[in-house]
Amino acid sequence: MSNTPMAASPLTRAVLEIDEYASGLGWDQPARLFALVDTAQLRTQEPALAAQLGLADGPETTGLTPIEQDEVPTDKPLDEFLATIAWPGAVTGCALTIERLMLPPSAETQVPDDLDEAKLAKWVAEHPERQEVRMTVAVLRDGSRESALRLREKDSPTEVLTGADLVPGLAQALSATFED
């Protein structure tokens, strides 16, 4: 967690910690899903797990601990997969990191009308203004959300953009995993 600002909210720190972890794995990685748990509660209720995660020793801190989940399946659409998730009560929030191609807003007027999903993906992948981006989006049960975006072209911890509403559709899909 070396590049996460201490003044940031616990949710922002968790998102930046996950972004830093994903960055260390390099690009062209599969999507990764994380449960977010209250660190103090984890130490109290699951001391063995806290020790395994390196959280048993050290000063008591408030915050969120990301715990990576099993692999996100690649054989079904992400929204369908997220619709199958139900979190236990001990999970305070969740986060997902995923890589995508994006285009600048100016390219919207250039998109041909007659493209199906596969052809649109190919068109975007071949567009000269495309950018590769890693998005890390996190939500809490209370509705709080945070995102971090990192462009492959500017792959540096000082070039990570954060904000609550950078990827609203994905934040909404993650929030839905907490609905009854």
C-alpha atoms as a PDB file:
ATOM      1  CA  MET A   1       0.000   0.000   0.000  1.00  0.00           C
ATOM      2  CA  SER A   2       2.965   2.265  -0.537  1.00  0.00           C
ATOM      3  CA  ASN A   3       1.317   4.738  -2.910  1.00  0.00           C
ATOM      4  CA  THR A   4      -2.061   5.159  -1.224  1.00  0.00           C
ATOM      5  CA  PRO A   5      -2.654   8.546   0.383  1.00  0.00           C
ATOM      6  CA  MET A   6      -3.253   8.360   4.129  1.00  0.00           C
ATOM      7  CA  ALA A   7      -5.707  11.280   4.045  1.00  0.00           C
ATOM      8  CA  ALA A   8      -8.038   9.434   1.683  1.00  0.00           C
ATOM      9  CA  SER A   9     -11.176   7.635   2.846  1.00  0.00           C
ATOM     10  CA  PRO A  10     -10.884   3.917   3.655  1.00  0.00           C
ATOM     11  CA  LEU A  11     -12.752   3.127   0.426  1.00  0.00           C
ATOM     12  CA  THR A  12     -10.377   5.247  -1.663  1.00  0.00           C
ATOM     13  CA  ARG A  13      -7.392   3.625   0.035  1.00  0.00           C
ATOM     14  CA  ALA A  14      -8.814   0.154  -0.721  1.00  0.00           C
ATOM     15  CA  VAL A  15      -9.380   1.034  -4.396  1.00  0.00           C
ATOM     16  CA  LEU A  16      -5.847   2.394  -4.719  1.00  0.00           C
ATOM     17  CA  GLU A  17      -4.428  -0.652  -2.953  1.00  0.00           C
ATOM     18  CA  ILE A  18      -6.225  -2.945  -5.408  1.00  0.00           C
ATOM     19  CA  ASP A  19      -5.060  -0.779  -8.336  1.00  0.00           C
ATOM     20  CA  GLU A  20      -1.474  -1.019  -7.093  1.00  0.00           C
ATOM     21  CA  TYR A  21      -1.804  -4.814  -6.706  1.00  0.00           C
ATOM     22  CA  ALA A  22      -3.226  -5.154 -10.231  1.00  0.00           C
ATOM     23  CA  SER A  23      -0.488  -2.909 -11.580  1.00  0.00           C
ATOM     24  CA  GLY A  24       2.125  -5.226 -10.088  1.00  0.00           C
ATOM     25  CA  LEU A  25       0.628  -8.110 -12.072  1.00  0.00           C
ATOM     26  CA  GLY A  26       1.050  -6.251 -15.357  1.00  0.00           C
ATOM     27  CA  TRP A  27      -1.401  -5.700 -18.174  1.00  0.00           C
ATOM     28  CA  ASP A  28      -3.520  -8.162 -20.127  1.00  0.00           C
ATOM     29  CA  GLN A  29      -4.895  -9.719 -16.942  1.00  0.00           C
ATOM     30  CA  PRO A  30      -8.345 -11.206 -16.361  1.00  0.00           C
ATOM     31  CA  ALA A  31     -10.931  -9.397 -14.270  1.00  0.00           C
ATOM     32  CA  ARG A  32     -10.447  -9.791 -10.520  1.00  0.00           C
ATOM     33  CA  LEU A  33     -13.134  -9.654  -7.843  1.00  0.00           C
ATOM     34  CA  PHE A  34     -12.498  -8.663  -4.220  1.00  0.00           C
ATOM     35  CA  ALA A  35     -14.549  -8.772  -1.046  1.00  0.00           C
ATOM     36  CA  LEU A  36     -13.960  -5.737   1.170  1.00  0.00           C
ATOM     37  CA  VAL A  37     -14.040  -6.424   4.892  1.00  0.00           C
ATOM     38  CA  ASP A  38     -13.632  -4.171   7.904  1.00  0.00           C
ATOM     39  CA  THR A  39      -9.998  -4.627   8.990  1.00  0.00           C
ATOM     40  CA  ALA A  40     -10.619  -4.284  12.745  1.00  0.00           C
ATOM     41  CA  GLN A  41     -13.527  -6.733  12.564  1.00  0.00           C
ATOM     42  CA  LEU A  42     -11.392  -9.180  10.571  1.00  0.00           C
ATOM     43  CA  ARG A  43      -8.665  -9.076  13.231  1.00  0.00           C
ATOM     44  CA  THR A  44     -11.206  -9.774  15.963  1.00  0.00           C
ATOM     45  CA  GLN A  45     -13.405 -12.368  14.266  1.00  0.00           C
ATOM     46  CA  GLU A  46     -10.867 -14.158  12.048  1.00  0.00           C
ATOM     47  CA  PRO A  47      -7.439 -13.820  13.696  1.00  0.00           C
ATOM     48  CA  ALA A  48      -5.939 -16.709  11.706  1.00  0.00           C
ATOM     49  CA  LEU A  49      -7.001 -15.148   8.408  1.00  0.00           C
ATOM     50  CA  ALA A  50      -5.791 -11.732   9.590  1.00  0.00           C
ATOM     51  CA  ALA A  51      -2.410 -13.298  10.403  1.00  0.00           C
ATOM     52  CA  GLN A  52      -2.295 -14.981   6.988  1.00  0.00           C
ATOM     53  CA  LEU A  53      -2.944 -11.588   5.369  1.00  0.00           C
ATOM     54  CA  GLY A  54      -0.263  -9.909   7.485  1.00  0.00           C
ATOM     55  CA  LEU A  55      -2.788  -7.904   9.498  1.00  0.00           C
ATOM     56  CA  ALA A  56      -2.425  -9.527  12.921  1.00  0.00           C
ATOM     57  CA  ASP A  57       0.484  -7.393  14.054  1.00  0.00           C
ATOM     58  CA  GLY A  58       0.866  -3.664  13.922  1.00  0.00           C
ATOM     59  CA  PRO A  59      -1.165  -0.693  15.019  1.00  0.00           C
ATOM     60  CA  GLU A  60      -4.935  -0.900  15.144  1.00  0.00           C
ATOM     61  CA  THR A  61      -6.187   0.851  12.054  1.00  0.00           C
ATOM     62  CA  THR A  62      -9.540   1.535  10.630  1.00  0.00           C
ATOM     63  CA  GLY A  63      -9.961   0.572   7.070  1.00  0.00           C
ATOM     64  CA  LEU A  64     -10.989  -2.026   4.594  1.00  0.00           C
ATOM     65  CA  THR A  65      -9.077  -5.135   3.651  1.00  0.00           C
ATOM     66  CA  PRO A  66      -9.521  -6.413   0.081  1.00  0.00           C
ATOM     67  CA  ILE A  67      -9.676 -10.207  -0.178  1.00  0.00           C
ATOM     68  CA  GLU A  68      -9.371 -11.566  -3.699  1.00  0.00           C
ATOM     69  CA  GLN A  69     -12.069 -14.054  -4.647  1.00  0.00           C
ATOM     70  CA  ASP A  70     -11.976 -16.978  -7.055  1.00  0.00           C
ATOM     71  CA  GLU A  71     -11.409 -16.195 -10.706  1.00  0.00           C
ATOM     72  CA  VAL A  72     -14.066 -14.312 -12.613  1.00  0.00           C
ATOM     73  CA  PRO A  73     -15.307 -16.676 -15.317  1.00  0.00           C
ATOM     74  CA  THR A  74     -14.491 -15.648 -18.863  1.00  0.00           C
ATOM     75  CA  ASP A  75     -17.154 -17.837 -20.472  1.00  0.00           C
ATOM     76  CA  LYS A  76     -20.127 -15.641 -19.521  1.00  0.00           C
ATOM     77  CA  PRO A  77     -20.832 -11.909 -19.700  1.00  0.00           C
ATOM     78  CA  LEU A  78     -19.696  -9.955 -16.645  1.00  0.00           C
ATOM     79  CA  ASP A  79     -23.187  -8.678 -15.855  1.00  0.00           C
ATOM     80  CA  GLU A  80     -24.547 -12.239 -15.814  1.00  0.00           C
ATOM     81  CA  PHE A  81     -21.756 -13.362 -13.489  1.00  0.00           C
ATOM     82  CA  LEU A  82     -22.290 -10.435 -11.106  1.00  0.00           C
ATOM     83  CA  ALA A  83     -26.010 -11.248 -10.968  1.00  0.00           C
ATOM     84  CA  THR A  84     -25.116 -14.628  -9.394  1.00  0.00           C
ATOM     85  CA  ILE A  85     -23.180 -13.157  -6.452  1.00  0.00           C
ATOM     86  CA  ALA A  86     -24.519 -12.887  -2.911  1.00  0.00           C
ATOM     87  CA  TRP A  87     -22.190 -11.691  -0.154  1.00  0.00           C
ATOM     88  CA  PRO A  88     -22.272 -12.848   3.483  1.00  0.00           C
ATOM     89  CA  GLY A  89     -22.971 -10.248   6.156  1.00  0.00           C
ATOM     90  CA  ALA A  90     -19.302  -9.900   7.146  1.00  0.00           C
ATOM     91  CA  VAL A  91     -18.496  -8.440   3.727  1.00  0.00           C
ATOM     92  CA  THR A  92     -18.713  -4.643   3.889  1.00  0.00           C
ATOM     93  CA  GLY A  93     -18.238  -4.054   0.184  1.00  0.00           C
ATOM     94  CA  CYS A  94     -16.752  -5.426  -3.001  1.00  0.00           C
ATOM     95  CA  ALA A  95     -14.471  -4.328  -5.784  1.00  0.00           C
ATOM     96  CA  LEU A  96     -13.671  -5.393  -9.317  1.00  0.00           C
ATOM     97  CA  THR A  97     -10.689  -4.597 -11.453  1.00  0.00           C
ATOM     98  CA  ILE A  98     -11.035  -5.039 -15.179  1.00  0.00           C
ATOM     99  CA  GLU A  99      -9.246  -3.941 -18.349  1.00  0.00           C
ATOM    100  CA  ARG A 100     -11.103  -2.462 -21.295  1.00  0.00           C
ATOM    101  CA  LEU A 101     -10.560  -0.431 -24.436  1.00  0.00           C
ATOM    102  CA  MET A 102     -12.086   3.030 -24.508  1.00  0.00           C
ATOM    103  CA  LEU A 103     -12.447   5.777 -27.032  1.00  0.00           C
ATOM    104  CA  PRO A 104     -12.567   9.531 -26.535  1.00  0.00           C
ATOM    105  CA  PRO A 105     -16.030  11.130 -26.634  1.00  0.00           C
ATOM    106  CA  SER A 106     -15.221  12.582 -30.067  1.00  0.00           C
ATOM    107  CA  ALA A 107     -15.238   9.045 -31.509  1.00  0.00           C
ATOM    108  CA  GLU A 108     -18.913   8.472 -30.624  1.00  0.00           C
ATOM    109  CA  THR A 109     -20.071  10.157 -33.822  1.00  0.00           C
ATOM    110  CA  GLN A 110     -17.860   7.826 -35.873  1.00  0.00           C
ATOM    111  CA  VAL A 111     -19.412   4.549 -34.641  1.00  0.00           C
ATOM    112  CA  PRO A 112     -21.222   2.781 -37.498  1.00  0.00           C
ATOM    113  CA  ASP A 113     -24.887   2.061 -36.725  1.00  0.00           C
ATOM    114  CA  ASP A 114     -25.077  -1.513 -38.003  1.00  0.00           C
ATOM    115  CA  LEU A 115     -22.515  -3.216 -35.729  1.00  0.00           C
ATOM    116  CA  ASP A 116     -23.352  -6.137 -33.459  1.00  0.00           C
ATOM    117  CA  GLU A 117     -21.396  -6.542 -30.206  1.00  0.00           C
ATOM    118  CA  ALA A 118     -18.532  -8.545 -31.758  1.00  0.00           C
ATOM    119  CA  LYS A 119     -18.133  -6.165 -34.703  1.00  0.00           C
ATOM    120  CA  LEU A 120     -18.261  -3.139 -32.389  1.00  0.00           C
ATOM    121  CA  ALA A 121     -15.511  -4.638 -30.216  1.00  0.00           C
ATOM    122  CA  LYS A 122     -13.379  -5.227 -33.328  1.00  0.00           C
ATOM    123  CA  TRP A 123     -14.053  -1.676 -34.547  1.00  0.00           C
ATOM    124  CA  VAL A 124     -12.995  -0.206 -31.179  1.00  0.00           C
ATOM    125  CA  ALA A 125      -9.891  -2.426 -31.027  1.00  0.00           C
ATOM    126  CA  GLU A 126      -8.791  -1.146 -34.442  1.00  0.00           C
ATOM    127  CA  HIS A 127      -9.632   2.531 -33.836  1.00  0.00           C
ATOM    128  CA  PRO A 128      -6.490   4.721 -33.890  1.00  0.00           C
ATOM    129  CA  GLU A 129      -7.622   6.746 -30.838  1.00  0.00           C
ATOM    130  CA  ARG A 130      -8.329   3.737 -28.592  1.00  0.00           C
ATOM    131  CA  GLN A 131      -6.853   3.663 -25.103  1.00  0.00           C
ATOM    132  CA  GLU A 132      -6.343   0.646 -22.871  1.00  0.00           C
ATOM    133  CA  VAL A 133      -7.612   1.323 -19.372  1.00  0.00           C
ATOM    134  CA  ARG A 134      -7.668  -0.609 -16.119  1.00  0.00           C
ATOM    135  CA  MET A 135     -10.719   0.216 -14.037  1.00  0.00           C
ATOM    136  CA  THR A 136     -10.984  -0.614 -10.370  1.00  0.00           C
ATOM    137  CA  VAL A 137     -14.449   0.014  -8.978  1.00  0.00           C
ATOM    138  CA  ALA A 138     -15.546  -0.538  -5.383  1.00  0.00           C
ATOM    139  CA  VAL A 139     -18.857  -0.172  -3.585  1.00  0.00           C
ATOM    140  CA  LEU A 140     -19.992  -0.517   0.004  1.00  0.00           C
ATOM    141  CA  ARG A 141     -23.282  -1.802   1.350  1.00  0.00           C
ATOM    142  CA  ASP A 142     -24.217   1.748   2.336  1.00  0.00           C
ATOM    143  CA  GLY A 143     -24.058   2.871  -1.305  1.00  0.00           C
ATOM    144  CA  SER A 144     -20.632   4.530  -1.181  1.00  0.00           C
ATOM    145  CA  ARG A 145     -18.565   4.018  -4.284  1.00  0.00           C
ATOM    146  CA  GLU A 146     -15.089   4.794  -5.566  1.00  0.00           C
ATOM    147  CA  SER A 147     -13.155   4.145  -8.763  1.00  0.00           C
ATOM    148  CA  ALA A 148      -9.584   4.285  -9.996  1.00  0.00           C
ATOM    149  CA  LEU A 149      -8.671   4.483 -13.673  1.00  0.00           C
ATOM    150  CA  ARG A 150      -5.200   3.852 -15.045  1.00  0.00           C
ATOM    151  CA  LEU A 151      -4.320   4.211 -18.729  1.00  0.00           C
ATOM    152  CA  ARG A 152      -1.780   1.782 -20.081  1.00  0.00           C
ATOM    153  CA  GLU A 153      -0.176   4.688 -21.906  1.00  0.00           C
ATOM    154  CA  LYS A 154       0.387   6.483 -18.575  1.00  0.00           C
ATOM    155  CA  ASP A 155       1.058   3.499 -16.323  1.00  0.00           C
ATOM    156  CA  SER A 156       2.255   5.256 -13.186  1.00  0.00           C
ATOM    157  CA  PRO A 157       0.864   5.525  -9.636  1.00  0.00           C
ATOM    158  CA  THR A 158       0.885   9.311 -10.020  1.00  0.00           C
ATOM    159  CA  GLU A 159      -1.339   9.086 -13.112  1.00  0.00           C
ATOM    160  CA  VAL A 160      -4.264   7.228 -11.528  1.00  0.00           C
ATOM    161  CA  LEU A 161      -7.571   9.076 -11.704  1.00  0.00           C
ATOM    162  CA  THR A 162      -9.979   8.522  -8.813  1.00  0.00           C
ATOM    163  CA  GLY A 163     -13.599   9.484  -8.333  1.00  0.00           C
ATOM    164  CA  ALA A 164     -16.920   8.116  -7.183  1.00  0.00           C
ATOM    165  CA  ASP A 165     -18.717   8.265 -10.526  1.00  0.00           C
ATOM    166  CA  LEU A 166     -16.075   7.396 -13.118  1.00  0.00           C
ATOM    167  CA  VAL A 167     -17.652   4.034 -14.010  1.00  0.00           C
ATOM    168  CA  PRO A 168     -21.288   4.356 -12.886  1.00  0.00           C
ATOM    169  CA  GLY A 169     -22.624   1.296 -14.719  1.00  0.00           C
ATOM    170  CA  LEU A 170     -20.093  -1.043 -13.153  1.00  0.00           C
ATOM    171  CA  ALA A 171     -20.605   0.546  -9.719  1.00  0.00           C
ATOM    172  CA  GLN A 172     -24.338  -0.033 -10.066  1.00  0.00           C
ATOM    173  CA  ALA A 173     -23.805  -3.678 -11.072  1.00  0.00           C
ATOM    174  CA  LEU A 174     -21.531  -4.225  -8.068  1.00  0.00           C
ATOM    175  CA  SER A 175     -24.046  -2.526  -5.749  1.00  0.00           C
ATOM    176  CA  ALA A 176     -26.709  -4.923  -7.000  1.00  0.00           C
ATOM    177  CA  THR A 177     -24.710  -7.813  -5.525  1.00  0.00           C
ATOM    178  CA  PHE A 178     -25.749  -6.521  -2.068  1.00  0.00           C
ATOM    179  CA  GLU A 179     -29.469  -6.277  -2.806  1.00  0.00           C
ATOM    180  CA  ASP A 180     -31.794  -8.848  -1.295  1.00  0.00           C
END
